[in-house]
Amino acid sequence: MHIDEVTLIKAVKERAHNPKRFVDLPDIGNKRHELPPPVSPAELSQAKQRLGFQLTGLLRSLYLQVGNGGFGLGYGLLAVNRNGARNAALNLVDWYLEEVNFVHPDYPPWPRFYITLCDWGDSIRSMMNAVDSAGAISRYRGNAYKEGPWENVMRREAASLHDWLENWLNDLPLFEQGQFLQRELPNAGPQETGFSSCQHCAVILIQFFDRVCDADLS
């Protein structure tokens, strides 16, 4: 059973203030635990003007109540603007505008409303369609792109932003799950992938053996 949104935000905020657990990958750009303050409603209004759409629902609440990025999955939630966390090359608004305004004859247009939530490194990101009422999360792998729409290298990572964050709070191996989906379902679109209990068990086994191998090497 899902926890309610108020409880979820409270739990995320508590973990965001924990210097040992505030982010999955603190070794690059986030070496020190310096959670930026929450954004103001005025800053979100400015973001809306630049993006052409509004950040709503749970995502908006995270920025208003927890902080301006720097906590959560991967290298941490991207900041809304340049006043927030420095855990990625660009903030959420600038990154989206750079992609949606990119024009090249060899590449298709970037899908509108697809914003980057966090970076995992190696051109791997977790993304969300900002106008999707469910807030489904997709794993994007840019270095796997060959042709066709960008959605070809996106796979469903979580059914909602709520689920994504709750899985993080429960310490599920979210990076490994995303990599597993991309290996096993090369032709599926972001709306077509499911994650069965058998696949979940396989991910856990992969993670376990990876750790065993690492221990042997050390």
N, C-alpha and C. Protein backbone atom coordinates (compact mmCIF):
# COMPACT_ATOMS: atom_id res chain seq x y z
N MET A 1 0.85 -1.20 0.00
CA MET A 1 0.00 0.00 0.00
C MET A 1 0.88 1.24 0.00
N HIS A 2 0.50 2.21 -0.84
CA HIS A 2 1.25 3.44 -0.92
C HIS A 2 1.07 4.27 0.35
N ILE A 3 2.13 4.99 0.70
CA ILE A 3 1.97 5.98 1.74
C ILE A 3 1.38 7.23 1.10
N ASP A 4 0.69 8.05 1.87
CA ASP A 4 0.08 9.24 1.29
C ASP A 4 1.15 10.28 0.99
N GLU A 5 0.77 11.28 0.19
CA GLU A 5 1.74 12.25 -0.29
C GLU A 5 2.37 13.06 0.83
N VAL A 6 1.59 13.43 1.82
CA VAL A 6 2.13 14.21 2.94
C VAL A 6 3.22 13.41 3.66
N THR A 7 2.95 12.13 3.91
CA THR A 7 3.92 11.27 4.58
C THR A 7 5.15 11.07 3.70
N LEU A 8 4.93 10.92 2.39
CA LEU A 8 6.04 10.73 1.46
C LEU A 8 6.97 11.93 1.48
N ILE A 9 6.42 13.12 1.38
CA ILE A 9 7.25 14.33 1.36
C ILE A 9 8.02 14.48 2.67
N LYS A 10 7.36 14.16 3.77
CA LYS A 10 8.02 14.23 5.08
C LYS A 10 9.21 13.26 5.13
N ALA A 11 9.02 12.04 4.59
CA ALA A 11 10.09 11.04 4.59
C ALA A 11 11.24 11.45 3.67
N VAL A 12 10.90 12.00 2.50
CA VAL A 12 11.93 12.48 1.58
C VAL A 12 12.73 13.61 2.22
N LYS A 13 12.03 14.51 2.86
CA LYS A 13 12.70 15.65 3.51
C LYS A 13 13.64 15.17 4.61
N GLU A 14 13.19 14.19 5.38
CA GLU A 14 14.03 13.65 6.44
C GLU A 14 15.28 13.01 5.87
N ARG A 15 15.13 12.23 4.80
CA ARG A 15 16.30 11.58 4.20
C ARG A 15 17.20 12.61 3.51
N ALA A 16 16.61 13.65 2.95
CA ALA A 16 17.39 14.68 2.27
C ALA A 16 18.31 15.42 3.23
N HIS A 17 17.96 15.42 4.51
CA HIS A 17 18.79 16.09 5.51
C HIS A 17 19.77 15.12 6.19
N ASN A 18 19.80 13.87 5.72
CA ASN A 18 20.73 12.88 6.26
C ASN A 18 22.01 12.91 5.42
N PRO A 19 23.14 13.33 5.98
CA PRO A 19 24.36 13.48 5.17
C PRO A 19 24.90 12.19 4.59
N LYS A 20 24.43 11.05 5.07
CA LYS A 20 24.89 9.76 4.55
C LYS A 20 23.93 9.14 3.54
N ARG A 21 22.70 9.64 3.47
CA ARG A 21 21.70 8.99 2.61
C ARG A 21 20.90 9.97 1.75
N PHE A 22 21.34 11.21 1.67
CA PHE A 22 20.54 12.22 0.97
C PHE A 22 20.50 12.04 -0.53
N VAL A 23 21.48 11.32 -1.08
CA VAL A 23 21.55 11.13 -2.53
C VAL A 23 22.23 9.79 -2.80
N ASP A 24 21.92 9.18 -3.95
CA ASP A 24 22.51 7.88 -4.28
C ASP A 24 23.98 7.96 -4.64
N LEU A 25 24.35 8.99 -5.41
CA LEU A 25 25.71 9.11 -5.94
C LEU A 25 26.32 10.44 -5.51
N PRO A 26 26.87 10.50 -4.30
CA PRO A 26 27.37 11.78 -3.79
C PRO A 26 28.80 12.10 -4.16
N ASP A 27 29.45 11.24 -4.99
CA ASP A 27 30.88 11.39 -5.19
C ASP A 27 31.26 12.39 -6.27
N ILE A 28 30.31 12.85 -7.08
CA ILE A 28 30.63 13.82 -8.12
C ILE A 28 29.67 15.00 -8.00
N GLY A 29 30.22 16.17 -7.77
CA GLY A 29 29.41 17.37 -7.72
C GLY A 29 28.57 17.51 -6.46
N ASN A 30 28.54 16.47 -5.63
CA ASN A 30 27.71 16.51 -4.43
C ASN A 30 28.49 15.94 -3.25
N LYS A 31 29.79 16.23 -3.21
CA LYS A 31 30.64 15.63 -2.20
C LYS A 31 30.25 16.08 -0.80
N ARG A 32 29.82 17.33 -0.70
CA ARG A 32 29.42 17.85 0.60
C ARG A 32 27.89 17.92 0.68
N HIS A 33 27.40 17.65 1.84
CA HIS A 33 25.95 17.68 2.03
C HIS A 33 25.49 19.11 2.25
N GLU A 34 25.13 19.77 1.18
CA GLU A 34 24.67 21.15 1.25
C GLU A 34 23.33 21.25 0.53
N LEU A 35 22.29 20.87 1.22
CA LEU A 35 20.96 20.91 0.62
C LEU A 35 20.52 22.36 0.45
N PRO A 36 20.25 22.78 -0.79
CA PRO A 36 19.80 24.16 -0.99
C PRO A 36 18.40 24.36 -0.44
N PRO A 37 18.06 25.58 -0.08
CA PRO A 37 16.72 25.83 0.46
C PRO A 37 15.65 25.61 -0.61
N PRO A 38 14.41 25.44 -0.20
CA PRO A 38 13.30 25.29 -1.16
C PRO A 38 13.19 26.52 -2.06
N VAL A 39 12.58 26.32 -3.21
CA VAL A 39 12.36 27.44 -4.12
C VAL A 39 11.12 28.22 -3.66
N SER A 40 10.99 29.41 -4.16
CA SER A 40 9.83 30.23 -3.83
C SER A 40 8.77 30.07 -4.92
N PRO A 41 7.51 30.40 -4.63
CA PRO A 41 6.48 30.39 -5.68
C PRO A 41 6.86 31.29 -6.86
N ALA A 42 7.55 32.39 -6.58
CA ALA A 42 7.97 33.28 -7.66
C ALA A 42 8.97 32.60 -8.59
N GLU A 43 9.87 31.80 -8.02
CA GLU A 43 10.84 31.08 -8.85
C GLU A 43 10.15 30.04 -9.72
N LEU A 44 9.13 29.38 -9.19
CA LEU A 44 8.38 28.43 -10.00
C LEU A 44 7.58 29.13 -11.09
N SER A 45 7.12 30.32 -10.83
CA SER A 45 6.42 31.11 -11.85
C SER A 45 7.38 31.49 -12.97
N GLN A 46 8.61 31.84 -12.61
CA GLN A 46 9.63 32.15 -13.61
C GLN A 46 9.95 30.91 -14.45
N ALA A 47 10.02 29.75 -13.78
CA ALA A 47 10.27 28.50 -14.50
C ALA A 47 9.15 28.22 -15.49
N LYS A 48 7.92 28.46 -15.08
CA LYS A 48 6.77 28.26 -15.96
C LYS A 48 6.85 29.14 -17.19
N GLN A 49 7.24 30.37 -17.01
CA GLN A 49 7.36 31.30 -18.14
C GLN A 49 8.42 30.82 -19.13
N ARG A 50 9.52 30.31 -18.63
CA ARG A 50 10.60 29.86 -19.51
C ARG A 50 10.28 28.53 -20.18
N LEU A 51 9.67 27.61 -19.42
CA LEU A 51 9.36 26.29 -19.97
C LEU A 51 8.17 26.32 -20.92
N GLY A 52 7.20 27.16 -20.63
CA GLY A 52 5.97 27.17 -21.40
C GLY A 52 4.91 26.27 -20.80
N PHE A 53 5.21 25.68 -19.65
CA PHE A 53 4.25 24.85 -18.91
C PHE A 53 4.65 24.87 -17.45
N GLN A 54 3.74 24.43 -16.61
CA GLN A 54 3.95 24.53 -15.17
C GLN A 54 4.40 23.20 -14.58
N LEU A 55 5.29 23.26 -13.61
CA LEU A 55 5.65 22.08 -12.82
C LEU A 55 4.58 21.93 -11.75
N THR A 56 3.91 20.80 -11.75
CA THR A 56 2.74 20.64 -10.89
C THR A 56 2.88 19.45 -9.94
N GLY A 57 1.86 19.28 -9.12
CA GLY A 57 1.72 18.09 -8.29
C GLY A 57 2.87 17.87 -7.33
N LEU A 58 3.27 16.60 -7.23
CA LEU A 58 4.29 16.19 -6.28
C LEU A 58 5.63 16.85 -6.56
N LEU A 59 6.00 16.98 -7.83
CA LEU A 59 7.28 17.60 -8.17
C LEU A 59 7.33 19.04 -7.65
N ARG A 60 6.26 19.76 -7.86
CA ARG A 60 6.18 21.14 -7.37
C ARG A 60 6.31 21.17 -5.83
N SER A 61 5.66 20.24 -5.18
CA SER A 61 5.71 20.19 -3.72
C SER A 61 7.13 19.90 -3.22
N LEU A 62 7.85 19.05 -3.92
CA LEU A 62 9.23 18.75 -3.52
C LEU A 62 10.10 20.00 -3.57
N TYR A 63 9.96 20.77 -4.63
CA TYR A 63 10.75 21.99 -4.75
C TYR A 63 10.35 23.04 -3.71
N LEU A 64 9.08 23.09 -3.39
CA LEU A 64 8.59 24.09 -2.44
C LEU A 64 8.84 23.71 -0.99
N GLN A 65 8.88 22.41 -0.71
CA GLN A 65 8.94 21.97 0.68
C GLN A 65 10.25 21.31 1.10
N VAL A 66 10.99 20.74 0.14
CA VAL A 66 12.22 20.02 0.51
C VAL A 66 13.46 20.83 0.16
N GLY A 67 13.64 21.14 -1.10
CA GLY A 67 14.83 21.90 -1.50
C GLY A 67 14.91 22.04 -3.00
N ASN A 68 15.80 22.91 -3.45
CA ASN A 68 15.99 23.17 -4.87
C ASN A 68 17.00 22.19 -5.46
N GLY A 69 16.63 20.92 -5.43
CA GLY A 69 17.46 19.86 -6.00
C GLY A 69 18.55 19.39 -5.06
N GLY A 70 19.33 18.41 -5.56
CA GLY A 70 20.48 17.92 -4.81
C GLY A 70 20.21 16.75 -3.89
N PHE A 71 19.03 16.18 -3.93
CA PHE A 71 18.69 15.03 -3.10
C PHE A 71 17.96 14.00 -3.95
N GLY A 72 17.99 12.75 -3.53
CA GLY A 72 17.23 11.73 -4.23
C GLY A 72 18.07 10.77 -5.04
N LEU A 73 17.52 10.32 -6.14
CA LEU A 73 18.12 9.27 -6.94
C LEU A 73 19.26 9.80 -7.81
N GLY A 74 20.13 8.88 -8.24
CA GLY A 74 21.24 9.27 -9.09
C GLY A 74 22.11 10.31 -8.38
N TYR A 75 22.49 11.36 -9.15
CA TYR A 75 23.24 12.46 -8.55
C TYR A 75 22.33 13.48 -7.89
N GLY A 76 21.06 13.14 -7.79
CA GLY A 76 20.12 14.01 -7.10
C GLY A 76 19.17 14.72 -8.05
N LEU A 77 18.02 15.09 -7.54
CA LEU A 77 17.05 15.84 -8.31
C LEU A 77 17.69 17.12 -8.83
N LEU A 78 17.46 17.43 -10.11
CA LEU A 78 18.01 18.66 -10.67
C LEU A 78 17.38 19.87 -10.01
N ALA A 79 18.16 20.92 -9.90
CA ALA A 79 17.63 22.20 -9.44
C ALA A 79 16.70 22.78 -10.50
N VAL A 80 15.75 23.58 -10.07
CA VAL A 80 14.87 24.26 -11.02
C VAL A 80 15.63 25.33 -11.79
N ASN A 81 16.53 26.03 -11.09
CA ASN A 81 17.25 27.15 -11.69
C ASN A 81 18.69 27.16 -11.20
N ARG A 82 19.38 28.24 -11.49
CA ARG A 82 20.81 28.32 -11.15
C ARG A 82 21.05 28.63 -9.67
N ASN A 83 20.02 28.79 -8.91
CA ASN A 83 20.16 29.07 -7.48
C ASN A 83 20.23 27.80 -6.65
N GLY A 84 20.05 26.65 -7.29
CA GLY A 84 19.96 25.41 -6.55
C GLY A 84 21.20 24.56 -6.59
N ALA A 85 21.02 23.25 -6.46
CA ALA A 85 22.12 22.29 -6.38
C ALA A 85 22.95 22.30 -7.66
N ARG A 86 24.24 22.04 -7.51
CA ARG A 86 25.17 21.98 -8.65
C ARG A 86 25.54 20.53 -8.94
N ASN A 87 24.54 19.66 -8.99
CA ASN A 87 24.80 18.23 -9.15
C ASN A 87 24.71 17.78 -10.61
N ALA A 88 24.60 18.71 -11.53
CA ALA A 88 24.55 18.36 -12.96
C ALA A 88 25.04 19.56 -13.76
N ALA A 89 25.32 19.31 -15.04
CA ALA A 89 25.84 20.39 -15.88
C ALA A 89 24.83 21.51 -16.04
N LEU A 90 23.54 21.16 -16.06
CA LEU A 90 22.49 22.14 -16.24
C LEU A 90 21.37 21.91 -15.23
N ASN A 91 20.60 22.95 -15.00
CA ASN A 91 19.42 22.77 -14.16
C ASN A 91 18.26 22.28 -15.03
N LEU A 92 17.14 21.97 -14.40
CA LEU A 92 16.00 21.37 -15.10
C LEU A 92 15.51 22.24 -16.25
N VAL A 93 15.34 23.53 -16.01
CA VAL A 93 14.79 24.42 -17.04
C VAL A 93 15.78 24.59 -18.19
N ASP A 94 17.04 24.88 -17.88
CA ASP A 94 18.03 25.10 -18.94
C ASP A 94 18.25 23.83 -19.77
N TRP A 95 18.25 22.68 -19.11
CA TRP A 95 18.48 21.42 -19.82
C TRP A 95 17.32 21.17 -20.80
N TYR A 96 16.11 21.36 -20.34
CA TYR A 96 14.96 21.15 -21.22
C TYR A 96 15.01 22.11 -22.42
N LEU A 97 15.27 23.37 -22.16
CA LEU A 97 15.28 24.36 -23.25
C LEU A 97 16.41 24.08 -24.24
N GLU A 98 17.55 23.62 -23.74
CA GLU A 98 18.64 23.29 -24.64
C GLU A 98 18.24 22.15 -25.58
N GLU A 99 17.54 21.16 -25.03
CA GLU A 99 17.15 20.01 -25.86
C GLU A 99 16.00 20.34 -26.80
N VAL A 100 14.99 21.03 -26.33
CA VAL A 100 13.83 21.29 -27.16
C VAL A 100 14.16 22.30 -28.27
N ASN A 101 15.19 23.12 -28.06
CA ASN A 101 15.59 24.11 -29.07
C ASN A 101 16.69 23.60 -29.99
N PHE A 102 17.16 22.38 -29.74
CA PHE A 102 18.23 21.81 -30.56
C PHE A 102 17.66 21.40 -31.93
N VAL A 103 18.28 21.86 -32.96
CA VAL A 103 17.85 21.54 -34.33
C VAL A 103 19.04 21.01 -35.11
N HIS A 104 18.88 19.81 -35.67
CA HIS A 104 19.94 19.20 -36.46
C HIS A 104 19.30 18.26 -37.48
N PRO A 105 19.76 18.28 -38.72
CA PRO A 105 19.11 17.44 -39.75
C PRO A 105 19.21 15.95 -39.50
N ASP A 106 20.17 15.52 -38.68
CA ASP A 106 20.35 14.09 -38.43
C ASP A 106 19.58 13.58 -37.22
N TYR A 107 18.92 14.49 -36.50
CA TYR A 107 18.24 14.08 -35.28
C TYR A 107 16.82 14.63 -35.25
N PRO A 108 15.91 13.87 -34.64
CA PRO A 108 14.52 14.34 -34.54
C PRO A 108 14.39 15.40 -33.44
N PRO A 109 13.27 16.12 -33.43
CA PRO A 109 13.04 17.09 -32.35
C PRO A 109 12.91 16.37 -31.01
N TRP A 110 13.30 17.06 -29.97
CA TRP A 110 13.14 16.50 -28.64
C TRP A 110 11.65 16.48 -28.29
N PRO A 111 11.14 15.40 -27.69
CA PRO A 111 9.71 15.34 -27.34
C PRO A 111 9.34 16.41 -26.32
N ARG A 112 8.33 17.18 -26.64
CA ARG A 112 7.91 18.26 -25.76
C ARG A 112 7.45 17.71 -24.41
N PHE A 113 7.72 18.47 -23.39
CA PHE A 113 7.31 18.21 -22.00
C PHE A 113 8.17 17.18 -21.29
N TYR A 114 9.13 16.53 -21.97
CA TYR A 114 9.97 15.54 -21.31
C TYR A 114 11.13 16.24 -20.62
N ILE A 115 11.04 16.29 -19.30
CA ILE A 115 12.05 16.97 -18.49
C ILE A 115 12.94 15.96 -17.79
N THR A 116 14.20 16.34 -17.56
CA THR A 116 15.13 15.50 -16.83
C THR A 116 14.97 15.74 -15.34
N LEU A 117 14.80 14.66 -14.59
CA LEU A 117 14.71 14.76 -13.14
C LEU A 117 16.06 14.54 -12.48
N CYS A 118 16.79 13.53 -12.95
CA CYS A 118 18.10 13.28 -12.37
C CYS A 118 19.01 12.65 -13.40
N ASP A 119 20.29 12.79 -13.15
CA ASP A 119 21.34 12.27 -14.03
C ASP A 119 22.02 11.10 -13.32
N TRP A 120 22.30 10.02 -14.08
CA TRP A 120 23.00 8.86 -13.52
C TRP A 120 24.43 8.75 -14.06
N GLY A 121 24.81 9.66 -14.97
CA GLY A 121 26.10 9.57 -15.62
C GLY A 121 26.03 8.74 -16.88
N ASP A 122 27.03 8.87 -17.76
CA ASP A 122 27.12 8.09 -19.00
C ASP A 122 25.88 8.25 -19.87
N SER A 123 25.35 9.46 -19.96
CA SER A 123 24.18 9.77 -20.79
C SER A 123 22.93 9.00 -20.37
N ILE A 124 22.86 8.63 -19.12
CA ILE A 124 21.69 7.94 -18.58
C ILE A 124 20.97 8.91 -17.64
N ARG A 125 19.66 9.05 -17.86
CA ARG A 125 18.89 9.99 -17.05
C ARG A 125 17.52 9.40 -16.73
N SER A 126 16.91 9.91 -15.68
CA SER A 126 15.52 9.59 -15.38
C SER A 126 14.70 10.82 -15.75
N MET A 127 13.61 10.57 -16.51
CA MET A 127 12.85 11.66 -17.09
C MET A 127 11.36 11.51 -16.78
N MET A 128 10.65 12.63 -16.94
CA MET A 128 9.21 12.61 -16.72
C MET A 128 8.52 13.50 -17.73
N ASN A 129 7.38 13.04 -18.22
CA ASN A 129 6.53 13.89 -19.04
C ASN A 129 5.79 14.82 -18.08
N ALA A 130 6.13 16.10 -18.12
CA ALA A 130 5.64 17.04 -17.12
C ALA A 130 4.14 17.27 -17.16
N VAL A 131 3.50 16.92 -18.26
CA VAL A 131 2.05 17.13 -18.35
C VAL A 131 1.28 15.82 -18.23
N ASP A 132 1.99 14.73 -17.94
CA ASP A 132 1.34 13.44 -17.71
C ASP A 132 0.75 13.45 -16.31
N SER A 133 -0.54 13.24 -16.19
CA SER A 133 -1.21 13.32 -14.90
C SER A 133 -0.65 12.30 -13.90
N ALA A 134 -0.21 11.14 -14.40
CA ALA A 134 0.34 10.11 -13.51
C ALA A 134 1.78 10.41 -13.11
N GLY A 135 2.47 11.20 -13.94
CA GLY A 135 3.87 11.50 -13.64
C GLY A 135 4.77 10.29 -13.81
N ALA A 136 4.52 9.47 -14.85
CA ALA A 136 5.33 8.28 -15.07
C ALA A 136 6.79 8.66 -15.32
N ILE A 137 7.71 7.83 -14.82
CA ILE A 137 9.14 8.07 -14.95
C ILE A 137 9.72 7.12 -16.00
N SER A 138 10.55 7.65 -16.89
CA SER A 138 11.20 6.85 -17.91
C SER A 138 12.71 6.95 -17.76
N ARG A 139 13.39 5.84 -18.02
CA ARG A 139 14.85 5.82 -18.04
C ARG A 139 15.32 6.10 -19.47
N TYR A 140 16.14 7.12 -19.62
CA TYR A 140 16.66 7.53 -20.93
C TYR A 140 18.13 7.16 -21.01
N ARG A 141 18.52 6.56 -22.14
CA ARG A 141 19.91 6.18 -22.34
C ARG A 141 20.39 6.75 -23.67
N GLY A 142 20.97 7.93 -23.61
CA GLY A 142 21.36 8.65 -24.82
C GLY A 142 22.43 7.95 -25.63
N ASN A 143 23.35 7.23 -24.98
CA ASN A 143 24.42 6.59 -25.74
C ASN A 143 23.94 5.36 -26.50
N ALA A 144 22.67 4.96 -26.33
CA ALA A 144 22.11 3.83 -27.08
C ALA A 144 21.34 4.29 -28.31
N TYR A 145 21.22 5.61 -28.48
CA TYR A 145 20.41 6.12 -29.59
C TYR A 145 21.06 5.84 -30.94
N LYS A 146 20.24 5.36 -31.89
CA LYS A 146 20.71 5.10 -33.25
C LYS A 146 19.88 5.87 -34.27
N GLU A 147 18.56 5.72 -34.19
CA GLU A 147 17.70 6.40 -35.15
C GLU A 147 16.28 6.43 -34.61
N GLY A 148 15.43 7.21 -35.31
CA GLY A 148 14.04 7.29 -34.91
C GLY A 148 13.83 8.29 -33.79
N PRO A 149 12.64 8.30 -33.20
CA PRO A 149 12.35 9.24 -32.12
C PRO A 149 13.17 8.93 -30.87
N TRP A 150 13.38 9.95 -30.07
CA TRP A 150 14.16 9.79 -28.84
C TRP A 150 13.49 8.80 -27.88
N GLU A 151 12.19 8.65 -28.00
CA GLU A 151 11.49 7.70 -27.13
C GLU A 151 11.98 6.27 -27.31
N ASN A 152 12.69 5.99 -28.43
CA ASN A 152 13.22 4.64 -28.65
C ASN A 152 14.23 4.23 -27.59
N VAL A 153 14.86 5.21 -26.94
CA VAL A 153 15.85 4.88 -25.91
C VAL A 153 15.32 5.27 -24.52
N MET A 154 14.00 5.28 -24.37
CA MET A 154 13.37 5.50 -23.08
C MET A 154 12.59 4.25 -22.68
N ARG A 155 12.69 3.88 -21.42
CA ARG A 155 11.98 2.73 -20.90
C ARG A 155 11.28 3.12 -19.60
N ARG A 156 10.11 2.57 -19.38
CA ARG A 156 9.37 2.87 -18.17
C ARG A 156 10.16 2.45 -16.93
N GLU A 157 10.38 3.39 -16.04
CA GLU A 157 11.13 3.13 -14.81
C GLU A 157 10.21 3.03 -13.60
N ALA A 158 9.16 3.82 -13.60
CA ALA A 158 8.18 3.77 -12.52
C ALA A 158 6.86 4.31 -13.05
N ALA A 159 5.78 3.81 -12.51
CA ALA A 159 4.46 4.22 -12.98
C ALA A 159 4.12 5.66 -12.61
N SER A 160 4.80 6.18 -11.59
CA SER A 160 4.52 7.55 -11.15
C SER A 160 5.71 8.09 -10.39
N LEU A 161 5.76 9.40 -10.24
CA LEU A 161 6.79 10.03 -9.43
C LEU A 161 6.68 9.57 -7.98
N HIS A 162 5.46 9.40 -7.53
CA HIS A 162 5.22 8.91 -6.17
C HIS A 162 5.86 7.54 -5.98
N ASP A 163 5.60 6.62 -6.90
CA ASP A 163 6.18 5.27 -6.82
C ASP A 163 7.70 5.32 -6.85
N TRP A 164 8.24 6.16 -7.72
CA TRP A 164 9.69 6.30 -7.91
C TRP A 164 10.35 6.70 -6.60
N LEU A 165 9.79 7.71 -5.95
CA LEU A 165 10.35 8.19 -4.70
C LEU A 165 10.15 7.18 -3.56
N GLU A 166 8.99 6.53 -3.55
CA GLU A 166 8.73 5.54 -2.51
C GLU A 166 9.69 4.36 -2.65
N ASN A 167 9.98 3.96 -3.90
CA ASN A 167 10.96 2.90 -4.13
C ASN A 167 12.35 3.32 -3.63
N TRP A 168 12.68 4.59 -3.84
CA TRP A 168 13.97 5.11 -3.34
C TRP A 168 14.02 5.06 -1.81
N LEU A 169 12.94 5.47 -1.19
CA LEU A 169 12.89 5.44 0.27
C LEU A 169 13.01 4.01 0.80
N ASN A 170 12.54 3.04 0.01
CA ASN A 170 12.61 1.64 0.39
C ASN A 170 13.90 0.96 -0.03
N ASP A 171 14.83 1.77 -0.59
CA ASP A 171 16.16 1.28 -0.97
C ASP A 171 16.13 0.18 -2.02
N LEU A 172 15.18 0.25 -2.94
CA LEU A 172 15.18 -0.71 -4.05
C LEU A 172 16.32 -0.37 -5.02
N PRO A 173 16.88 -1.37 -5.71
CA PRO A 173 18.01 -1.12 -6.64
C PRO A 173 17.52 -0.49 -7.94
N LEU A 174 17.17 0.77 -7.90
CA LEU A 174 16.50 1.40 -9.03
C LEU A 174 17.40 1.54 -10.25
N PHE A 175 18.67 1.81 -10.06
CA PHE A 175 19.55 1.92 -11.22
C PHE A 175 19.66 0.58 -11.92
N GLU A 176 19.83 -0.49 -11.15
CA GLU A 176 19.96 -1.82 -11.74
C GLU A 176 18.66 -2.24 -12.43
N GLN A 177 17.52 -1.87 -11.88
CA GLN A 177 16.25 -2.20 -12.51
C GLN A 177 16.14 -1.54 -13.88
N GLY A 178 16.54 -0.27 -13.94
CA GLY A 178 16.48 0.44 -15.22
C GLY A 178 17.40 -0.15 -16.25
N GLN A 179 18.61 -0.55 -15.84
CA GLN A 179 19.54 -1.16 -16.77
C GLN A 179 19.03 -2.50 -17.26
N PHE A 180 18.39 -3.26 -16.38
CA PHE A 180 17.84 -4.56 -16.77
C PHE A 180 16.77 -4.39 -17.83
N LEU A 181 15.88 -3.43 -17.65
CA LEU A 181 14.81 -3.22 -18.63
C LEU A 181 15.37 -2.87 -19.98
N GLN A 182 16.43 -2.06 -20.02
CA GLN A 182 16.99 -1.65 -21.30
C GLN A 182 17.69 -2.80 -21.99
N ARG A 183 18.27 -3.73 -21.22
CA ARG A 183 18.94 -4.88 -21.84
C ARG A 183 17.93 -5.86 -22.40
N GLU A 184 16.84 -6.08 -21.68
CA GLU A 184 15.92 -7.16 -22.02
C GLU A 184 14.81 -6.74 -22.98
N LEU A 185 14.54 -5.46 -23.10
CA LEU A 185 13.43 -5.00 -23.93
C LEU A 185 13.89 -3.93 -24.91
N PRO A 186 14.75 -4.29 -25.88
CA PRO A 186 15.32 -3.28 -26.77
C PRO A 186 14.33 -2.65 -27.71
N ASN A 187 13.20 -3.27 -27.98
CA ASN A 187 12.26 -2.74 -28.96
C ASN A 187 10.99 -2.16 -28.35
N ALA A 188 10.91 -2.15 -27.04
CA ALA A 188 9.69 -1.67 -26.39
C ALA A 188 9.75 -0.18 -26.17
N GLY A 189 8.60 0.47 -26.28
CA GLY A 189 8.51 1.90 -26.02
C GLY A 189 8.35 2.14 -24.54
N PRO A 190 8.42 3.42 -24.12
CA PRO A 190 8.37 3.73 -22.70
C PRO A 190 7.06 3.34 -22.04
N GLN A 191 5.97 3.19 -22.82
CA GLN A 191 4.69 2.84 -22.22
C GLN A 191 4.45 1.34 -22.20
N GLU A 192 5.38 0.54 -22.75
CA GLU A 192 5.09 -0.87 -22.95
C GLU A 192 5.79 -1.79 -21.96
N THR A 193 6.69 -1.27 -21.16
CA THR A 193 7.47 -2.13 -20.30
C THR A 193 6.82 -2.32 -18.95
N GLY A 194 6.83 -3.57 -18.49
CA GLY A 194 6.39 -3.85 -17.14
C GLY A 194 7.58 -4.42 -16.38
N PHE A 195 7.42 -4.59 -15.09
CA PHE A 195 8.52 -5.14 -14.31
C PHE A 195 7.95 -6.22 -13.42
N SER A 196 8.03 -7.46 -13.87
CA SER A 196 7.41 -8.57 -13.16
C SER A 196 8.25 -8.97 -11.95
N SER A 197 7.65 -9.80 -11.10
CA SER A 197 8.37 -10.27 -9.92
C SER A 197 9.56 -11.12 -10.32
N CYS A 198 9.44 -11.85 -11.42
CA CYS A 198 10.58 -12.67 -11.89
C CYS A 198 11.73 -11.77 -12.32
N GLN A 199 11.40 -10.70 -13.04
CA GLN A 199 12.45 -9.77 -13.47
C GLN A 199 13.09 -9.11 -12.26
N HIS A 200 12.27 -8.78 -11.26
CA HIS A 200 12.81 -8.15 -10.06
C HIS A 200 13.79 -9.09 -9.37
N CYS A 201 13.46 -10.36 -9.29
CA CYS A 201 14.36 -11.34 -8.68
C CYS A 201 15.67 -11.42 -9.47
N ALA A 202 15.56 -11.36 -10.79
CA ALA A 202 16.75 -11.41 -11.62
C ALA A 202 17.66 -10.22 -11.37
N VAL A 203 17.05 -9.06 -11.20
CA VAL A 203 17.83 -7.85 -10.91
C VAL A 203 18.57 -8.00 -9.58
N ILE A 204 17.88 -8.50 -8.56
CA ILE A 204 18.51 -8.69 -7.27
C ILE A 204 19.70 -9.64 -7.38
N LEU A 205 19.54 -10.71 -8.17
CA LEU A 205 20.63 -11.67 -8.34
C LEU A 205 21.81 -11.03 -9.06
N ILE A 206 21.51 -10.23 -10.09
CA ILE A 206 22.58 -9.54 -10.82
C ILE A 206 23.35 -8.64 -9.88
N GLN A 207 22.63 -7.89 -9.07
CA GLN A 207 23.27 -6.97 -8.13
C GLN A 207 24.11 -7.75 -7.12
N PHE A 208 23.58 -8.88 -6.63
CA PHE A 208 24.31 -9.67 -5.65
C PHE A 208 25.63 -10.19 -6.22
N PHE A 209 25.57 -10.76 -7.43
CA PHE A 209 26.78 -11.32 -8.02
C PHE A 209 27.79 -10.23 -8.39
N ASP A 210 27.30 -9.05 -8.78
CA ASP A 210 28.20 -7.94 -9.05
C ASP A 210 28.98 -7.57 -7.79
N ARG A 211 28.28 -7.55 -6.65
CA ARG A 211 28.94 -7.21 -5.40
C ARG A 211 29.93 -8.28 -4.98
N VAL A 212 29.57 -9.56 -5.21
CA VAL A 212 30.48 -10.66 -4.89
C VAL A 212 31.75 -10.55 -5.71
N CYS A 213 31.61 -10.25 -7.00
CA CYS A 213 32.77 -10.11 -7.89
C CYS A 213 33.64 -8.94 -7.45
N ASP A 214 33.00 -7.84 -7.09
CA ASP A 214 33.75 -6.67 -6.62
C ASP A 214 34.53 -7.00 -5.35
N ALA A 215 33.91 -7.76 -4.46
CA ALA A 215 34.58 -8.14 -3.21
C ALA A 215 35.77 -9.04 -3.48
N ASP A 216 35.62 -9.96 -4.42
CA ASP A 216 36.73 -10.86 -4.78
C ASP A 216 37.90 -10.11 -5.37
N LEU A 217 37.58 -9.10 -6.20
CA LEU A 217 38.63 -8.32 -6.86
C LEU A 217 39.40 -7.47 -5.85
N SER A 218 38.69 -7.04 -4.81
CA SER A 218 39.35 -6.22 -3.80
C SER A 218 40.12 -7.07 -2.79
